[in-house]
N, C-alpha and C. Protein backbone atom coordinates (compact mmCIF):
# COMPACT_ATOMS: atom_id res chain seq x y z
N UNK A 1 -25.13 -22.91 8.40
CA UNK A 1 -25.09 -22.38 7.01
C UNK A 1 -24.00 -21.45 6.78
N UNK A 2 -23.29 -21.43 5.79
CA UNK A 2 -22.22 -20.62 5.45
C UNK A 2 -22.68 -19.20 4.97
N UNK A 3 -22.21 -18.10 5.50
CA UNK A 3 -22.53 -16.78 4.93
C UNK A 3 -21.50 -16.43 3.90
N UNK A 4 -22.09 -16.19 2.63
CA UNK A 4 -21.22 -16.03 1.47
C UNK A 4 -20.39 -14.73 1.58
N UNK A 5 -20.98 -13.77 2.32
CA UNK A 5 -20.28 -12.51 2.53
C UNK A 5 -18.94 -12.72 3.37
N UNK A 6 -18.98 -13.57 4.22
CA UNK A 6 -17.75 -13.95 5.03
C UNK A 6 -16.69 -14.59 4.29
N UNK A 7 -17.20 -15.50 3.41
CA UNK A 7 -16.27 -16.25 2.58
C UNK A 7 -15.59 -15.38 1.63
N UNK A 8 -16.38 -14.49 0.92
CA UNK A 8 -15.84 -13.65 -0.05
C UNK A 8 -14.80 -12.60 0.59
N UNK A 9 -15.13 -12.08 1.73
CA UNK A 9 -14.21 -11.29 2.46
C UNK A 9 -12.91 -11.85 2.75
N UNK A 10 -12.86 -13.10 3.07
CA UNK A 10 -11.70 -13.77 3.35
C UNK A 10 -10.94 -14.22 2.07
N UNK A 11 -11.53 -14.30 1.06
CA UNK A 11 -10.94 -14.68 -0.26
C UNK A 11 -10.08 -13.35 -0.64
N UNK A 12 -10.64 -12.30 -0.67
CA UNK A 12 -10.18 -11.09 -1.17
C UNK A 12 -9.31 -10.17 -0.20
N UNK A 13 -9.58 -10.33 1.14
CA UNK A 13 -8.81 -9.44 2.06
C UNK A 13 -7.58 -10.08 2.43
N UNK A 14 -6.59 -9.11 2.92
CA UNK A 14 -5.37 -9.59 3.20
C UNK A 14 -4.75 -8.75 4.36
N UNK A 15 -4.07 -9.43 5.28
CA UNK A 15 -3.55 -8.57 6.37
C UNK A 15 -2.10 -8.22 6.13
N UNK A 16 -1.67 -7.07 6.47
CA UNK A 16 -0.29 -6.58 6.31
C UNK A 16 0.04 -5.68 7.39
N UNK A 17 1.39 -5.46 7.51
CA UNK A 17 1.79 -4.51 8.45
C UNK A 17 2.57 -3.28 7.65
N UNK A 18 2.24 -2.12 8.18
CA UNK A 18 2.85 -0.91 7.41
C UNK A 18 3.13 0.13 8.47
N UNK A 19 4.31 0.81 8.20
CA UNK A 19 4.58 1.97 9.10
C UNK A 19 3.89 3.24 8.52
N UNK A 20 3.14 3.86 9.57
CA UNK A 20 2.47 5.19 9.06
C UNK A 20 2.77 6.17 10.20
N UNK A 21 3.06 7.28 9.68
CA UNK A 21 3.42 8.47 10.62
C UNK A 21 2.31 8.64 11.54
N UNK A 22 2.61 8.87 12.85
CA UNK A 22 1.54 8.84 13.83
C UNK A 22 0.44 10.05 13.57
N UNK A 23 0.89 11.12 13.17
CA UNK A 23 -0.09 12.12 12.82
C UNK A 23 -1.06 11.77 11.67
N UNK A 24 -0.59 11.05 10.75
CA UNK A 24 -1.43 10.65 9.66
C UNK A 24 -2.37 9.52 10.15
N UNK A 25 -1.98 8.62 10.94
CA UNK A 25 -2.78 7.61 11.56
C UNK A 25 -3.90 8.32 12.40
N UNK A 26 -3.54 9.18 13.21
CA UNK A 26 -4.50 9.99 14.08
C UNK A 26 -5.55 10.57 13.08
N UNK A 27 -5.14 11.24 12.12
CA UNK A 27 -6.10 11.89 11.10
C UNK A 27 -7.08 10.91 10.56
N UNK A 28 -6.48 9.73 10.20
CA UNK A 28 -7.26 8.63 9.45
C UNK A 28 -8.25 8.08 10.46
N UNK A 29 -7.90 7.84 11.79
CA UNK A 29 -8.81 7.36 12.78
C UNK A 29 -9.86 8.31 12.98
N UNK A 30 -9.64 9.65 13.09
CA UNK A 30 -10.60 10.74 13.41
C UNK A 30 -11.64 10.85 12.05
N UNK A 31 -11.08 10.74 10.93
CA UNK A 31 -11.83 10.67 9.78
C UNK A 31 -12.82 9.43 9.68
N UNK A 32 -12.30 8.39 10.07
CA UNK A 32 -12.97 7.02 10.14
C UNK A 32 -14.16 7.20 11.15
N UNK A 33 -13.84 7.84 12.30
CA UNK A 33 -14.91 7.88 13.30
C UNK A 33 -15.95 8.89 12.87
N UNK A 34 -15.66 10.01 12.23
CA UNK A 34 -16.59 11.05 11.83
C UNK A 34 -17.47 10.48 10.58
N UNK A 35 -16.91 9.54 9.85
CA UNK A 35 -17.53 8.90 8.65
C UNK A 35 -18.16 7.61 9.03
N UNK A 36 -18.11 7.21 10.23
CA UNK A 36 -18.64 5.99 10.71
C UNK A 36 -18.18 4.81 9.76
N UNK A 37 -16.85 4.79 9.43
CA UNK A 37 -16.26 3.82 8.70
C UNK A 37 -15.22 3.05 9.40
N UNK A 38 -14.81 1.95 9.05
CA UNK A 38 -13.69 1.25 9.70
C UNK A 38 -12.47 1.91 9.26
N UNK A 39 -11.42 1.87 10.11
CA UNK A 39 -10.05 2.39 9.73
C UNK A 39 -9.68 1.60 8.42
N UNK A 40 -9.85 0.27 8.37
CA UNK A 40 -9.44 -0.52 7.32
C UNK A 40 -10.03 0.00 5.94
N UNK A 41 -11.34 0.40 6.00
CA UNK A 41 -12.06 0.78 4.95
C UNK A 41 -11.52 2.18 4.44
N UNK A 42 -11.29 3.07 5.42
CA UNK A 42 -10.67 4.39 4.94
C UNK A 42 -9.38 4.20 4.45
N UNK A 43 -8.43 3.29 4.88
CA UNK A 43 -7.20 3.01 4.39
C UNK A 43 -7.25 2.52 2.94
N UNK A 44 -8.06 1.52 2.77
CA UNK A 44 -8.25 0.99 1.50
C UNK A 44 -8.74 1.85 0.45
N UNK A 45 -9.77 2.65 0.85
CA UNK A 45 -10.39 3.65 -0.17
C UNK A 45 -9.44 4.62 -0.58
N UNK A 46 -8.50 5.17 0.49
CA UNK A 46 -7.60 6.16 0.26
C UNK A 46 -6.57 5.72 -0.64
N UNK A 47 -6.10 4.49 -0.48
CA UNK A 47 -5.15 3.95 -1.36
C UNK A 47 -5.68 3.70 -2.82
N UNK A 48 -6.82 3.29 -2.79
CA UNK A 48 -7.44 3.08 -4.22
C UNK A 48 -7.53 4.43 -4.90
N UNK A 49 -7.93 5.46 -4.29
CA UNK A 49 -7.96 6.81 -4.91
C UNK A 49 -6.62 7.38 -5.21
N UNK A 50 -5.67 7.15 -4.42
CA UNK A 50 -4.28 7.55 -4.70
C UNK A 50 -3.67 6.89 -5.93
N UNK A 51 -3.94 5.50 -5.95
CA UNK A 51 -3.46 4.75 -7.11
C UNK A 51 -4.13 5.19 -8.46
N UNK A 52 -5.39 5.44 -8.31
CA UNK A 52 -6.25 5.80 -9.53
C UNK A 52 -5.71 7.23 -9.99
N UNK A 53 -5.31 8.07 -9.16
CA UNK A 53 -4.91 9.43 -9.45
C UNK A 53 -3.47 9.43 -10.14
N UNK A 54 -2.71 8.46 -9.90
CA UNK A 54 -1.27 8.39 -10.46
C UNK A 54 -1.39 8.27 -11.91
N UNK A 55 -0.59 9.14 -12.67
CA UNK A 55 -0.58 8.89 -14.13
C UNK A 55 -0.22 7.46 -14.57
N UNK A 56 0.74 6.86 -13.87
CA UNK A 56 1.19 5.46 -14.26
C UNK A 56 0.28 4.43 -13.73
N UNK A 57 -0.93 4.79 -13.22
CA UNK A 57 -1.69 3.78 -12.60
C UNK A 57 -2.03 2.58 -13.41
N UNK A 58 -2.31 2.86 -14.74
CA UNK A 58 -2.63 1.72 -15.69
C UNK A 58 -1.33 1.09 -16.15
N UNK A 59 -0.18 1.83 -16.06
CA UNK A 59 1.09 1.27 -16.40
C UNK A 59 1.18 1.17 -17.93
N UNK A 60 2.34 1.10 -18.48
CA UNK A 60 2.51 0.94 -19.93
C UNK A 60 2.70 -0.49 -20.34
N UNK A 61 2.76 -1.31 -19.37
CA UNK A 61 2.72 -2.81 -19.76
C UNK A 61 4.28 -3.18 -19.90
N UNK A 62 5.24 -2.25 -19.81
CA UNK A 62 6.60 -2.70 -19.92
C UNK A 62 7.16 -2.73 -18.47
N UNK A 63 8.15 -3.71 -18.40
CA UNK A 63 8.79 -3.86 -17.10
C UNK A 63 10.13 -3.04 -17.23
N UNK A 64 10.49 -2.32 -16.12
CA UNK A 64 11.51 -1.52 -15.94
C UNK A 64 12.54 -2.16 -14.97
N UNK A 65 13.80 -2.20 -15.34
CA UNK A 65 14.71 -2.76 -14.61
C UNK A 65 15.38 -1.66 -13.71
N UNK A 66 15.41 -1.88 -12.38
CA UNK A 66 16.03 -0.99 -11.48
C UNK A 66 17.44 -1.55 -11.17
N UNK A 67 18.41 -0.62 -11.24
CA UNK A 67 19.84 -1.00 -10.98
C UNK A 67 20.01 -1.03 -9.43
N UNK A 68 19.39 -2.02 -8.72
CA UNK A 68 19.52 -1.93 -7.31
C UNK A 68 20.30 -3.23 -6.78
N UNK A 69 20.22 -4.30 -7.59
CA UNK A 69 20.87 -5.62 -7.12
C UNK A 69 22.00 -5.97 -8.09
N UNK A 70 22.94 -6.68 -7.73
CA UNK A 70 24.06 -7.34 -8.20
C UNK A 70 24.24 -8.75 -7.83
N UNK A 71 23.80 -9.65 -8.74
CA UNK A 71 23.82 -11.09 -8.51
C UNK A 71 23.12 -11.42 -7.13
N UNK A 72 21.87 -10.85 -6.82
CA UNK A 72 21.15 -11.14 -5.67
C UNK A 72 21.45 -10.29 -4.44
N UNK A 73 22.50 -9.57 -4.39
CA UNK A 73 22.95 -8.73 -3.26
C UNK A 73 22.60 -7.23 -3.56
N UNK A 74 22.27 -6.43 -2.78
CA UNK A 74 22.14 -5.07 -3.01
C UNK A 74 23.41 -4.18 -3.39
N UNK A 75 23.32 -3.54 -4.35
CA UNK A 75 24.57 -2.66 -4.68
C UNK A 75 25.12 -1.86 -3.53
N UNK A 76 26.33 -1.44 -3.45
CA UNK A 76 26.75 -0.67 -2.38
C UNK A 76 25.95 0.66 -2.32
N UNK A 77 25.54 1.05 -1.19
CA UNK A 77 24.74 2.30 -0.99
C UNK A 77 23.21 2.15 -1.24
N UNK A 78 22.78 0.77 -1.50
CA UNK A 78 21.28 0.63 -1.58
C UNK A 78 20.95 0.07 -0.22
N UNK A 79 19.86 0.60 0.30
CA UNK A 79 19.38 0.13 1.71
C UNK A 79 17.92 -0.19 1.30
N UNK A 80 17.74 -1.67 1.21
CA UNK A 80 16.39 -2.15 0.80
C UNK A 80 15.22 -1.85 1.83
N UNK A 81 15.64 -1.38 3.01
CA UNK A 81 14.53 -1.07 4.12
C UNK A 81 14.26 0.40 3.99
N UNK A 82 14.86 1.25 3.09
CA UNK A 82 14.47 2.57 2.98
C UNK A 82 13.77 2.82 1.67
N UNK A 83 12.48 2.55 1.77
CA UNK A 83 11.59 2.56 0.59
C UNK A 83 11.43 3.98 0.03
N UNK A 84 11.66 4.97 0.69
CA UNK A 84 11.58 6.40 0.19
C UNK A 84 12.78 6.55 -0.80
N UNK A 85 13.86 6.16 -0.41
CA UNK A 85 15.07 6.18 -1.27
C UNK A 85 14.89 5.24 -2.44
N UNK A 86 14.38 4.19 -2.36
CA UNK A 86 14.19 3.31 -3.52
C UNK A 86 13.32 3.82 -4.53
N UNK A 87 12.30 4.50 -4.14
CA UNK A 87 11.24 5.06 -4.98
C UNK A 87 11.89 6.27 -5.84
N UNK A 88 12.93 6.99 -5.20
CA UNK A 88 13.58 8.04 -5.87
C UNK A 88 14.51 7.54 -6.89
N UNK A 89 14.92 6.36 -6.81
CA UNK A 89 16.01 5.87 -7.84
C UNK A 89 15.40 5.59 -9.23
């Protein structure tokens, strides 16, 4: 017999890889242990809270064009692997 909870988890869950500062990861793991939650749950809950607190969380429905690309190639000085720099632009 198929467990519906397992099916639902696999429909909505997604695996990904992110770079996290070591000290932040350590704090998150400690918080998860104290709270008796999985690290994944702590990360997901934290991201949801962060996104909900952003003024633009709902968005204005408009698409904004970023001047980062020229014909499919990055403009000079644009490093697509430096996400912090991209967010500042």
